[in-house]
Amino acid sequence: MLTVTLFILAANLMNSGQISQKLINFSLAIVGRRNDFEIVTLEKALQAQTVLNAKSLENL
């Protein structure tokens, strides 16, 4: 139970500090842009993760 809580906390810290966006930009710089659909899907997944993490922290 503690592991899940700490994982959610780490994800929230990464999102609030823009580290996750920097990691995406770094990977795009190395790999290059594939197509916009993949990038939009990844960004939406990260946004959904942020919302889910915030809601799960409210339930604690």
PDB file of N, CA and C in Angstrom:
ATOM      1  N   MET A   1       0.821  -1.185   0.000  1.00  0.00           N
ATOM      2  CA  MET A   1       0.000   0.000   0.000  1.00  0.00           C
ATOM      3  C   MET A   1       0.873   1.260   0.000  1.00  0.00           C
ATOM      4  N   LEU A   2       1.937   1.227   0.736  1.00  0.00           N
ATOM      5  CA  LEU A   2       2.831   2.379   0.789  1.00  0.00           C
ATOM      6  C   LEU A   2       3.517   2.602  -0.551  1.00  0.00           C
ATOM      7  N   THR A   3       3.815   1.520  -1.251  1.00  0.00           N
ATOM      8  CA  THR A   3       4.481   1.631  -2.545  1.00  0.00           C
ATOM      9  C   THR A   3       3.622   2.382  -3.551  1.00  0.00           C
ATOM     10  N   VAL A   4       2.340   2.070  -3.587  1.00  0.00           N
ATOM     11  CA  VAL A   4       1.427   2.740  -4.516  1.00  0.00           C
ATOM     12  C   VAL A   4       1.346   4.224  -4.199  1.00  0.00           C
ATOM     13  N   THR A   5       1.259   4.545  -2.939  1.00  0.00           N
ATOM     14  CA  THR A   5       1.177   5.946  -2.521  1.00  0.00           C
ATOM     15  C   THR A   5       2.428   6.717  -2.925  1.00  0.00           C
ATOM     16  N   LEU A   6       3.591   6.121  -2.702  1.00  0.00           N
ATOM     17  CA  LEU A   6       4.835   6.792  -3.066  1.00  0.00           C
ATOM     18  C   LEU A   6       4.992   6.913  -4.582  1.00  0.00           C
ATOM     19  N   PHE A   7       4.506   5.915  -5.313  1.00  0.00           N
ATOM     20  CA  PHE A   7       4.553   5.985  -6.771  1.00  0.00           C
ATOM     21  C   PHE A   7       3.688   7.129  -7.282  1.00  0.00           C
ATOM     22  N   ILE A   8       2.507   7.287  -6.720  1.00  0.00           N
ATOM     23  CA  ILE A   8       1.617   8.374  -7.113  1.00  0.00           C
ATOM     24  C   ILE A   8       2.234   9.718  -6.742  1.00  0.00           C
ATOM     25  N   LEU A   9       2.837   9.794  -5.583  1.00  0.00           N
ATOM     26  CA  LEU A   9       3.506  11.029  -5.161  1.00  0.00           C
ATOM     27  C   LEU A   9       4.637  11.379  -6.122  1.00  0.00           C
ATOM     28  N   ALA A  10       5.436  10.381  -6.515  1.00  0.00           N
ATOM     29  CA  ALA A  10       6.532  10.631  -7.454  1.00  0.00           C
ATOM     30  C   ALA A  10       5.994  11.107  -8.802  1.00  0.00           C
ATOM     31  N   ALA A  11       4.911  10.516  -9.266  1.00  0.00           N
ATOM     32  CA  ALA A  11       4.316  10.937 -10.540  1.00  0.00           C
ATOM     33  C   ALA A  11       3.821  12.374 -10.455  1.00  0.00           C
ATOM     34  N   ASN A  12       3.205  12.732  -9.350  1.00  0.00           N
ATOM     35  CA  ASN A  12       2.733  14.110  -9.186  1.00  0.00           C
ATOM     36  C   ASN A  12       3.890  15.099  -9.129  1.00  0.00           C
ATOM     37  N   LEU A  13       4.960  14.722  -8.461  1.00  0.00           N
ATOM     38  CA  LEU A  13       6.130  15.604  -8.411  1.00  0.00           C
ATOM     39  C   LEU A  13       6.745  15.774  -9.795  1.00  0.00           C
ATOM     40  N   MET A  14       6.795  14.689 -10.566  1.00  0.00           N
ATOM     41  CA  MET A  14       7.334  14.777 -11.921  1.00  0.00           C
ATOM     42  C   MET A  14       6.464  15.679 -12.793  1.00  0.00           C
ATOM     43  N   ASN A  15       5.161  15.568 -12.648  1.00  0.00           N
ATOM     44  CA  ASN A  15       4.263  16.393 -13.464  1.00  0.00           C
ATOM     45  C   ASN A  15       4.298  17.853 -13.039  1.00  0.00           C
ATOM     46  N   SER A  16       4.355  18.106 -11.753  1.00  0.00           N
ATOM     47  CA  SER A  16       4.366  19.497 -11.298  1.00  0.00           C
ATOM     48  C   SER A  16       5.688  20.187 -11.612  1.00  0.00           C
ATOM     49  N   GLY A  17       6.766  19.432 -11.634  1.00  0.00           N
ATOM     50  CA  GLY A  17       8.069  20.004 -11.940  1.00  0.00           C
ATOM     51  C   GLY A  17       8.404  20.006 -13.414  1.00  0.00           C
ATOM     52  N   GLN A  18       7.458  19.578 -14.251  1.00  0.00           N
ATOM     53  CA  GLN A  18       7.638  19.535 -15.702  1.00  0.00           C
ATOM     54  C   GLN A  18       8.744  18.576 -16.127  1.00  0.00           C
ATOM     55  N   ILE A  19       9.131  17.654 -15.240  1.00  0.00           N
ATOM     56  CA  ILE A  19      10.164  16.686 -15.598  1.00  0.00           C
ATOM     57  C   ILE A  19       9.649  15.744 -16.671  1.00  0.00           C
ATOM     58  N   SER A  20       8.390  15.346 -16.578  1.00  0.00           N
ATOM     59  CA  SER A  20       7.847  14.422 -17.571  1.00  0.00           C
ATOM     60  C   SER A  20       7.839  15.055 -18.958  1.00  0.00           C
ATOM     61  N   GLN A  21       7.521  16.330 -19.057  1.00  0.00           N
ATOM     62  CA  GLN A  21       7.547  17.005 -20.360  1.00  0.00           C
ATOM     63  C   GLN A  21       8.974  17.106 -20.890  1.00  0.00           C
ATOM     64  N   LYS A  22       9.935  17.339 -20.000  1.00  0.00           N
ATOM     65  CA  LYS A  22      11.328  17.395 -20.421  1.00  0.00           C
ATOM     66  C   LYS A  22      11.804  16.034 -20.911  1.00  0.00           C
ATOM     67  N   LEU A  23      11.345  14.958 -20.275  1.00  0.00           N
ATOM     68  CA  LEU A  23      11.696  13.614 -20.732  1.00  0.00           C
ATOM     69  C   LEU A  23      11.113  13.337 -22.115  1.00  0.00           C
ATOM     70  N   ILE A  24       9.897  13.788 -22.341  1.00  0.00           N
ATOM     71  CA  ILE A  24       9.283  13.612 -23.664  1.00  0.00           C
ATOM     72  C   ILE A  24      10.064  14.392 -24.708  1.00  0.00           C
ATOM     73  N   ASN A  25      10.417  15.628 -24.398  1.00  0.00           N
ATOM     74  CA  ASN A  25      11.187  16.443 -25.343  1.00  0.00           C
ATOM     75  C   ASN A  25      12.552  15.816 -25.624  1.00  0.00           C
ATOM     76  N   PHE A  26      13.174  15.257 -24.599  1.00  0.00           N
ATOM     77  CA  PHE A  26      14.473  14.601 -24.769  1.00  0.00           C
ATOM     78  C   PHE A  26      14.352  13.379 -25.671  1.00  0.00           C
ATOM     79  N   SER A  27      13.329  12.575 -25.434  1.00  0.00           N
ATOM     80  CA  SER A  27      13.149  11.377 -26.262  1.00  0.00           C
ATOM     81  C   SER A  27      12.802  11.755 -27.701  1.00  0.00           C
ATOM     82  N   LEU A  28      12.041  12.820 -27.885  1.00  0.00           N
ATOM     83  CA  LEU A  28      11.740  13.282 -29.239  1.00  0.00           C
ATOM     84  C   LEU A  28      12.996  13.794 -29.940  1.00  0.00           C
ATOM     85  N   ALA A  29      13.893  14.399 -29.186  1.00  0.00           N
ATOM     86  CA  ALA A  29      15.131  14.885 -29.779  1.00  0.00           C
ATOM     87  C   ALA A  29      16.011  13.723 -30.233  1.00  0.00           C
ATOM     88  N   ILE A  30      15.985  12.631 -29.479  1.00  0.00           N
ATOM     89  CA  ILE A  30      16.795  11.470 -29.845  1.00  0.00           C
ATOM     90  C   ILE A  30      16.151  10.680 -30.982  1.00  0.00           C
ATOM     91  N   VAL A  31      14.887  10.364 -30.835  1.00  0.00           N
ATOM     92  CA  VAL A  31      14.197   9.508 -31.795  1.00  0.00           C
ATOM     93  C   VAL A  31      13.667  10.311 -32.971  1.00  0.00           C
ATOM     94  N   GLY A  32      13.259  11.503 -32.725  1.00  0.00           N
ATOM     95  CA  GLY A  32      12.636  12.314 -33.772  1.00  0.00           C
ATOM     96  C   GLY A  32      11.129  12.139 -33.721  1.00  0.00           C
ATOM     97  N   ARG A  33      10.451  12.989 -34.431  1.00  0.00           N
ATOM     98  CA  ARG A  33       8.985  12.922 -34.447  1.00  0.00           C
ATOM     99  C   ARG A  33       8.530  11.795 -35.351  1.00  0.00           C
ATOM    100  N   ARG A  34       7.667  10.960 -34.810  1.00  0.00           N
ATOM    101  CA  ARG A  34       7.088   9.880 -35.611  1.00  0.00           C
ATOM    102  C   ARG A  34       5.917  10.435 -36.404  1.00  0.00           C
ATOM    103  N   ASN A  35       4.835  10.690 -35.702  1.00  0.00           N
ATOM    104  CA  ASN A  35       3.694  11.400 -36.280  1.00  0.00           C
ATOM    105  C   ASN A  35       2.957  12.094 -35.155  1.00  0.00           C
ATOM    106  N   ASP A  36       2.150  13.026 -35.483  1.00  0.00           N
ATOM    107  CA  ASP A  36       1.486  13.830 -34.456  1.00  0.00           C
ATOM    108  C   ASP A  36       0.489  13.033 -33.642  1.00  0.00           C
ATOM    109  N   PHE A  37      -0.096  11.982 -34.229  1.00  0.00           N
ATOM    110  CA  PHE A  37      -1.077  11.201 -33.497  1.00  0.00           C
ATOM    111  C   PHE A  37      -0.452  10.529 -32.277  1.00  0.00           C
ATOM    112  N   GLU A  38       0.736   9.966 -32.422  1.00  0.00           N
ATOM    113  CA  GLU A  38       1.409   9.309 -31.301  1.00  0.00           C
ATOM    114  C   GLU A  38       1.739  10.309 -30.200  1.00  0.00           C
ATOM    115  N   ILE A  39       2.176  11.493 -30.586  1.00  0.00           N
ATOM    116  CA  ILE A  39       2.552  12.504 -29.600  1.00  0.00           C
ATOM    117  C   ILE A  39       1.321  13.007 -28.851  1.00  0.00           C
ATOM    118  N   VAL A  40       0.246  13.257 -29.562  1.00  0.00           N
ATOM    119  CA  VAL A  40      -0.990  13.717 -28.920  1.00  0.00           C
ATOM    120  C   VAL A  40      -1.509  12.645 -27.977  1.00  0.00           C
ATOM    121  N   THR A  41      -1.446  11.387 -28.399  1.00  0.00           N
ATOM    122  CA  THR A  41      -1.908  10.296 -27.548  1.00  0.00           C
ATOM    123  C   THR A  41      -1.084  10.217 -26.271  1.00  0.00           C
ATOM    124  N   LEU A  42       0.240  10.374 -26.383  1.00  0.00           N
ATOM    125  CA  LEU A  42       1.105  10.334 -25.215  1.00  0.00           C
ATOM    126  C   LEU A  42       0.824  11.504 -24.287  1.00  0.00           C
ATOM    127  N   GLU A  43       0.642  12.695 -24.841  1.00  0.00           N
ATOM    128  CA  GLU A  43       0.353  13.862 -24.015  1.00  0.00           C
ATOM    129  C   GLU A  43      -0.994  13.718 -23.307  1.00  0.00           C
ATOM    130  N   LYS A  44      -1.985  13.194 -24.002  1.00  0.00           N
ATOM    131  CA  LYS A  44      -3.298  12.982 -23.375  1.00  0.00           C
ATOM    132  C   LYS A  44      -3.203  11.931 -22.278  1.00  0.00           C
ATOM    133  N   ALA A  45      -2.400  10.908 -22.490  1.00  0.00           N
ATOM    134  CA  ALA A  45      -2.219   9.878 -21.461  1.00  0.00           C
ATOM    135  C   ALA A  45      -1.569  10.473 -20.214  1.00  0.00           C
ATOM    136  N   LEU A  46      -0.593  11.360 -20.406  1.00  0.00           N
ATOM    137  CA  LEU A  46       0.044  12.012 -19.258  1.00  0.00           C
ATOM    138  C   LEU A  46      -0.927  12.929 -18.525  1.00  0.00           C
ATOM    139  N   GLN A  47      -1.769  13.622 -19.274  1.00  0.00           N
ATOM    140  CA  GLN A  47      -2.765  14.482 -18.638  1.00  0.00           C
ATOM    141  C   GLN A  47      -3.766  13.645 -17.859  1.00  0.00           C
ATOM    142  N   ALA A  48      -4.185  12.528 -18.427  1.00  0.00           N
ATOM    143  CA  ALA A  48      -5.127  11.647 -17.735  1.00  0.00           C
ATOM    144  C   ALA A  48      -4.486  11.074 -16.483  1.00  0.00           C
ATOM    145  N   GLN A  49      -3.190  10.754 -16.565  1.00  0.00           N
ATOM    146  CA  GLN A  49      -2.484  10.231 -15.401  1.00  0.00           C
ATOM    147  C   GLN A  49      -2.459  11.273 -14.289  1.00  0.00           C
ATOM    148  N   THR A  50      -2.246  12.523 -14.641  1.00  0.00           N
ATOM    149  CA  THR A  50      -2.218  13.593 -13.647  1.00  0.00           C
ATOM    150  C   THR A  50      -3.569  13.722 -12.957  1.00  0.00           C
ATOM    151  N   VAL A  51      -4.639  13.662 -13.725  1.00  0.00           N
ATOM    152  CA  VAL A  51      -5.982  13.766 -13.146  1.00  0.00           C
ATOM    153  C   VAL A  51      -6.265  12.577 -12.244  1.00  0.00           C
ATOM    154  N   LEU A  52      -5.930  11.381 -12.699  1.00  0.00           N
ATOM    155  CA  LEU A  52      -6.163  10.193 -11.896  1.00  0.00           C
ATOM    156  C   LEU A  52      -5.341  10.196 -10.621  1.00  0.00           C
ATOM    157  N   ASN A  53      -4.104  10.663 -10.720  1.00  0.00           N
ATOM    158  CA  ASN A  53      -3.249  10.741  -9.528  1.00  0.00           C
ATOM    159  C   ASN A  53      -3.825  11.737  -8.521  1.00  0.00           C
ATOM    160  N   ALA A  54      -4.308  12.863  -9.002  1.00  0.00           N
ATOM    161  CA  ALA A  54      -4.875  13.866  -8.100  1.00  0.00           C
ATOM    162  C   ALA A  54      -6.125  13.318  -7.412  1.00  0.00           C
ATOM    163  N   LYS A  55      -6.966  12.605  -8.174  1.00  0.00           N
ATOM    164  CA  LYS A  55      -8.173  12.050  -7.577  1.00  0.00           C
ATOM    165  C   LYS A  55      -7.855  10.958  -6.576  1.00  0.00           C
ATOM    166  N   SER A  56      -6.824  10.161  -6.843  1.00  0.00           N
ATOM    167  CA  SER A  56      -6.480   9.100  -5.911  1.00  0.00           C
ATOM    168  C   SER A  56      -5.874   9.675  -4.625  1.00  0.00           C
ATOM    169  N   LEU A  57      -5.165  10.801  -4.753  1.00  0.00           N
ATOM    170  CA  LEU A  57      -4.635  11.437  -3.541  1.00  0.00           C
ATOM    171  C   LEU A  57      -5.746  12.046  -2.705  1.00  0.00           C
ATOM    172  N   GLU A  58      -6.828  12.485  -3.341  1.00  0.00           N
ATOM    173  CA  GLU A  58      -7.953  13.029  -2.592  1.00  0.00           C
ATOM    174  C   GLU A  58      -8.612  11.932  -1.760  1.00  0.00           C
ATOM    175  N   ASN A  59      -8.567  10.708  -2.254  1.00  0.00           N
ATOM    176  CA  ASN A  59      -9.216   9.591  -1.565  1.00  0.00           C
ATOM    177  C   ASN A  59      -8.403   9.064  -0.388  1.00  0.00           C
ATOM    178  N   LEU A  60      -7.143   9.485  -0.252  1.00  0.00           N
ATOM    179  CA  LEU A  60      -6.312   8.979   0.840  1.00  0.00           C
ATOM    180  C   LEU A  60      -6.663   9.590   2.156  1.00  0.00           C
TER     181      LEU A  60
END
